[in-house]
Amino acid sequence: MKERTQRFGVSMDDTLLKKLDAYIASKGYTNRSEAIRDFVRENLVEEEWKADRKQVVGTVTLIYDHAALELPKKLTDLQHHFHKEIISTTHIHLDEHNCLEILALKGKGEKVKAIADRLIAAKGVKHGKLVMSTTGKEIV
């Protein structure tokens, strides 16, 4: 069954509206409605991550020097230990020293965050970031 679109009004002062319009233009939105829908979705995704009972997905991006002592082995060991939550990995050689590793995770929010924290905190990781998203089941 297709969702029905409803219209509603939003009031805001001129200064805030100008900032909203500038933001919308800088991001390439074609109208305010689509931007506001994305703002709402972003907050709903954050709420999913706070609810421990819900399945969420996320990606962890790691940059590291492959020659860092024991790091590749440690990352592989962690990935095997959390094989139920780590559903995919991609390893890319950026140059003769640096690697980019992208991991897709799925599970309860708290567990996914804990796994990401362990990966990012591994000694030798130069930069790491968790991007939280949704399975899409509860977002329209």
C-alpha atoms as a PDB file:
ATOM      1  CA  MET A   1       0.000   0.000   0.000  1.00  0.00           C
ATOM      2  CA  LYS A   2       1.438   3.349  -1.038  1.00  0.00           C
ATOM      3  CA  GLU A   3       1.879   5.961   1.668  1.00  0.00           C
ATOM      4  CA  ARG A   4      -0.191   9.102   1.291  1.00  0.00           C
ATOM      5  CA  THR A   5       1.710  12.401   1.271  1.00  0.00           C
ATOM      6  CA  GLN A   6       0.406  15.026   3.652  1.00  0.00           C
ATOM      7  CA  ARG A   7       1.188  18.725   3.702  1.00  0.00           C
ATOM      8  CA  PHE A   8       1.804  20.759   6.841  1.00  0.00           C
ATOM      9  CA  GLY A   9       3.132  24.209   7.599  1.00  0.00           C
ATOM     10  CA  VAL A  10       6.347  25.128   9.361  1.00  0.00           C
ATOM     11  CA  SER A  11       7.007  28.558  10.817  1.00  0.00           C
ATOM     12  CA  MET A  12      10.500  29.957  11.352  1.00  0.00           C
ATOM     13  CA  ASP A  13      12.130  33.329  11.554  1.00  0.00           C
ATOM     14  CA  ASP A  14      13.704  34.919   8.473  1.00  0.00           C
ATOM     15  CA  THR A  15      17.298  34.375   9.591  1.00  0.00           C
ATOM     16  CA  LEU A  16      16.828  30.657  10.146  1.00  0.00           C
ATOM     17  CA  LEU A  17      14.924  30.291   6.873  1.00  0.00           C
ATOM     18  CA  LYS A  18      17.734  32.033   4.953  1.00  0.00           C
ATOM     19  CA  LYS A  19      20.252  29.638   6.529  1.00  0.00           C
ATOM     20  CA  LEU A  20      18.027  26.682   5.629  1.00  0.00           C
ATOM     21  CA  ASP A  21      17.718  27.857   2.026  1.00  0.00           C
ATOM     22  CA  ALA A  22      21.493  28.382   1.752  1.00  0.00           C
ATOM     23  CA  TYR A  23      22.079  24.886   3.140  1.00  0.00           C
ATOM     24  CA  ILE A  24      19.530  23.388   0.740  1.00  0.00           C
ATOM     25  CA  ALA A  25      21.159  25.123  -2.211  1.00  0.00           C
ATOM     26  CA  SER A  26      24.671  24.030  -1.176  1.00  0.00           C
ATOM     27  CA  LYS A  27      23.570  20.384  -0.943  1.00  0.00           C
ATOM     28  CA  GLY A  28      21.678  20.426  -4.245  1.00  0.00           C
ATOM     29  CA  TYR A  29      18.167  19.830  -2.953  1.00  0.00           C
ATOM     30  CA  THR A  30      15.473  20.895  -5.380  1.00  0.00           C
ATOM     31  CA  ASN A  31      13.064  21.995  -2.653  1.00  0.00           C
ATOM     32  CA  ARG A  32      12.640  22.479   1.091  1.00  0.00           C
ATOM     33  CA  SER A  33      10.350  19.468   1.467  1.00  0.00           C
ATOM     34  CA  GLU A  34      12.979  16.950   0.368  1.00  0.00           C
ATOM     35  CA  ALA A  35      15.570  18.503   2.675  1.00  0.00           C
ATOM     36  CA  ILE A  36      13.196  18.442   5.641  1.00  0.00           C
ATOM     37  CA  ARG A  37      12.285  14.794   4.900  1.00  0.00           C
ATOM     38  CA  ASP A  38      16.005  13.951   5.002  1.00  0.00           C
ATOM     39  CA  PHE A  39      16.426  15.841   8.302  1.00  0.00           C
ATOM     40  CA  VAL A  40      13.573  13.820   9.802  1.00  0.00           C
ATOM     41  CA  ARG A  41      14.960  10.540   8.448  1.00  0.00           C
ATOM     42  CA  GLU A  42      18.406  11.351   9.876  1.00  0.00           C
ATOM     43  CA  ASN A  43      16.924  11.814  13.335  1.00  0.00           C
ATOM     44  CA  LEU A  44      14.861   8.635  13.042  1.00  0.00           C
ATOM     45  CA  VAL A  45      18.008   6.685  12.103  1.00  0.00           C
ATOM     46  CA  GLU A  46      19.746   8.096  15.197  1.00  0.00           C
ATOM     47  CA  GLU A  47      16.826   6.870  17.299  1.00  0.00           C
ATOM     48  CA  GLU A  48      17.127   3.386  15.773  1.00  0.00           C
ATOM     49  CA  TRP A  49      20.739   3.272  16.952  1.00  0.00           C
ATOM     50  CA  LYS A  50      19.677   4.180  20.486  1.00  0.00           C
ATOM     51  CA  ALA A  51      17.118   1.356  20.612  1.00  0.00           C
ATOM     52  CA  ASP A  52      19.208  -1.716  21.427  1.00  0.00           C
ATOM     53  CA  ARG A  53      16.559  -4.142  20.235  1.00  0.00           C
ATOM     54  CA  LYS A  54      16.632  -2.962  16.595  1.00  0.00           C
ATOM     55  CA  GLN A  55      18.888  -4.187  13.819  1.00  0.00           C
ATOM     56  CA  VAL A  56      20.997  -1.440  12.294  1.00  0.00           C
ATOM     57  CA  VAL A  57      23.716  -1.290   9.692  1.00  0.00           C
ATOM     58  CA  GLY A  58      26.868   0.737   9.464  1.00  0.00           C
ATOM     59  CA  THR A  59      30.158   1.035   7.701  1.00  0.00           C
ATOM     60  CA  VAL A  60      33.568   1.342   9.297  1.00  0.00           C
ATOM     61  CA  THR A  61      36.300   2.995   7.264  1.00  0.00           C
ATOM     62  CA  LEU A  62      39.891   2.372   8.332  1.00  0.00           C
ATOM     63  CA  ILE A  63      43.129   3.843   6.997  1.00  0.00           C
ATOM     64  CA  TYR A  64      46.325   2.145   8.116  1.00  0.00           C
ATOM     65  CA  ASP A  65      49.870   1.298   7.151  1.00  0.00           C
ATOM     66  CA  HIS A  66      49.941  -2.387   6.282  1.00  0.00           C
ATOM     67  CA  ALA A  67      53.464  -2.606   7.703  1.00  0.00           C
ATOM     68  CA  ALA A  68      52.287  -1.587  11.191  1.00  0.00           C
ATOM     69  CA  LEU A  69      53.468  -4.308  13.498  1.00  0.00           C
ATOM     70  CA  GLU A  70      50.778  -6.999  13.965  1.00  0.00           C
ATOM     71  CA  LEU A  71      47.945  -4.670  12.819  1.00  0.00           C
ATOM     72  CA  PRO A  72      46.732  -6.636   9.768  1.00  0.00           C
ATOM     73  CA  LYS A  73      46.621  -9.805  11.879  1.00  0.00           C
ATOM     74  CA  LYS A  74      44.770  -8.037  14.708  1.00  0.00           C
ATOM     75  CA  LEU A  75      42.179  -6.607  12.287  1.00  0.00           C
ATOM     76  CA  THR A  76      41.671 -10.013  10.683  1.00  0.00           C
ATOM     77  CA  ASP A  77      41.319 -11.675  14.091  1.00  0.00           C
ATOM     78  CA  LEU A  78      38.693  -9.110  15.133  1.00  0.00           C
ATOM     79  CA  GLN A  79      36.814  -9.633  11.880  1.00  0.00           C
ATOM     80  CA  HIS A  80      36.743 -13.396  12.414  1.00  0.00           C
ATOM     81  CA  HIS A  81      35.675 -12.981  16.029  1.00  0.00           C
ATOM     82  CA  PHE A  82      32.720 -10.786  14.982  1.00  0.00           C
ATOM     83  CA  HIS A  83      31.874 -12.689  11.790  1.00  0.00           C
ATOM     84  CA  LYS A  84      28.149 -12.613  12.557  1.00  0.00           C
ATOM     85  CA  GLU A  85      28.059  -8.812  12.580  1.00  0.00           C
ATOM     86  CA  ILE A  86      30.700  -8.076   9.914  1.00  0.00           C
ATOM     87  CA  ILE A  87      28.876  -8.939   6.718  1.00  0.00           C
ATOM     88  CA  SER A  88      31.361  -7.629   4.165  1.00  0.00           C
ATOM     89  CA  THR A  89      34.851  -6.176   3.845  1.00  0.00           C
ATOM     90  CA  THR A  90      36.741  -4.438   1.080  1.00  0.00           C
ATOM     91  CA  HIS A  91      40.487  -3.944   1.188  1.00  0.00           C
ATOM     92  CA  ILE A  92      42.106  -1.365  -1.113  1.00  0.00           C
ATOM     93  CA  HIS A  93      45.804  -0.598  -1.516  1.00  0.00           C
ATOM     94  CA  LEU A  94      46.064   3.196  -1.650  1.00  0.00           C
ATOM     95  CA  ASP A  95      49.806   3.258  -2.242  1.00  0.00           C
ATOM     96  CA  GLU A  96      52.802   1.094  -1.366  1.00  0.00           C
ATOM     97  CA  HIS A  97      52.214   1.654   2.373  1.00  0.00           C
ATOM     98  CA  ASN A  98      48.640   2.731   3.101  1.00  0.00           C
ATOM     99  CA  CYS A  99      45.498   0.624   2.962  1.00  0.00           C
ATOM    100  CA  LEU A 100      41.831   1.510   3.040  1.00  0.00           C
ATOM    101  CA  GLU A 101      39.548  -1.063   4.598  1.00  0.00           C
ATOM    102  CA  ILE A 102      35.774  -0.720   4.506  1.00  0.00           C
ATOM    103  CA  LEU A 103      33.653  -3.021   6.641  1.00  0.00           C
ATOM    104  CA  ALA A 104      29.872  -3.380   6.514  1.00  0.00           C
ATOM    105  CA  LEU A 105      28.303  -4.340   9.842  1.00  0.00           C
ATOM    106  CA  LYS A 106      24.804  -5.384  10.821  1.00  0.00           C
ATOM    107  CA  GLY A 107      23.465  -6.001  14.308  1.00  0.00           C
ATOM    108  CA  LYS A 108      22.209  -4.299  17.440  1.00  0.00           C
ATOM    109  CA  GLY A 109      23.367  -0.673  17.630  1.00  0.00           C
ATOM    110  CA  GLU A 110      25.360  -1.005  20.824  1.00  0.00           C
ATOM    111  CA  LYS A 111      27.223  -4.073  19.547  1.00  0.00           C
ATOM    112  CA  VAL A 112      27.994  -2.524  16.158  1.00  0.00           C
ATOM    113  CA  LYS A 113      29.365   0.591  17.887  1.00  0.00           C
ATOM    114  CA  ALA A 114      31.496  -1.534  20.210  1.00  0.00           C
ATOM    115  CA  ILE A 115      32.976  -3.479  17.281  1.00  0.00           C
ATOM    116  CA  ALA A 116      33.677  -0.253  15.382  1.00  0.00           C
ATOM    117  CA  ASP A 117      35.358   1.237  18.443  1.00  0.00           C
ATOM    118  CA  ARG A 118      37.652  -1.784  18.781  1.00  0.00           C
ATOM    119  CA  LEU A 119      38.608  -1.686  15.107  1.00  0.00           C
ATOM    120  CA  ILE A 120      39.231   2.063  15.089  1.00  0.00           C
ATOM    121  CA  ALA A 121      41.199   1.961  18.357  1.00  0.00           C
ATOM    122  CA  ALA A 122      43.545  -0.785  17.147  1.00  0.00           C
ATOM    123  CA  LYS A 123      47.129   0.398  17.474  1.00  0.00           C
ATOM    124  CA  GLY A 124      48.375   1.471  14.047  1.00  0.00           C
ATOM    125  CA  VAL A 125      45.054   2.624  12.583  1.00  0.00           C
ATOM    126  CA  LYS A 126      45.723   6.131  11.278  1.00  0.00           C
ATOM    127  CA  HIS A 127      42.077   7.098  10.879  1.00  0.00           C
ATOM    128  CA  GLY A 128      38.783   5.367  11.378  1.00  0.00           C
ATOM    129  CA  LYS A 129      35.153   6.321  11.204  1.00  0.00           C
ATOM    130  CA  LEU A 130      31.806   4.653  11.792  1.00  0.00           C
ATOM    131  CA  VAL A 131      28.927   5.769   9.603  1.00  0.00           C
ATOM    132  CA  MET A 132      25.613   4.697  11.081  1.00  0.00           C
ATOM    133  CA  SER A 133      22.658   3.885   8.893  1.00  0.00           C
ATOM    134  CA  THR A 134      19.418   1.953   8.856  1.00  0.00           C
ATOM    135  CA  THR A 135      18.200  -1.337   7.462  1.00  0.00           C
ATOM    136  CA  GLY A 136      15.449   0.735   5.876  1.00  0.00           C
ATOM    137  CA  LYS A 137      12.631  -1.306   7.390  1.00  0.00           C
ATOM    138  CA  GLU A 138      11.240   1.535   9.478  1.00  0.00           C
ATOM    139  CA  ILE A 139      12.151   4.529   7.336  1.00  0.00           C
ATOM    140  CA  VAL A 140       9.830   5.714   4.577  1.00  0.00           C
END
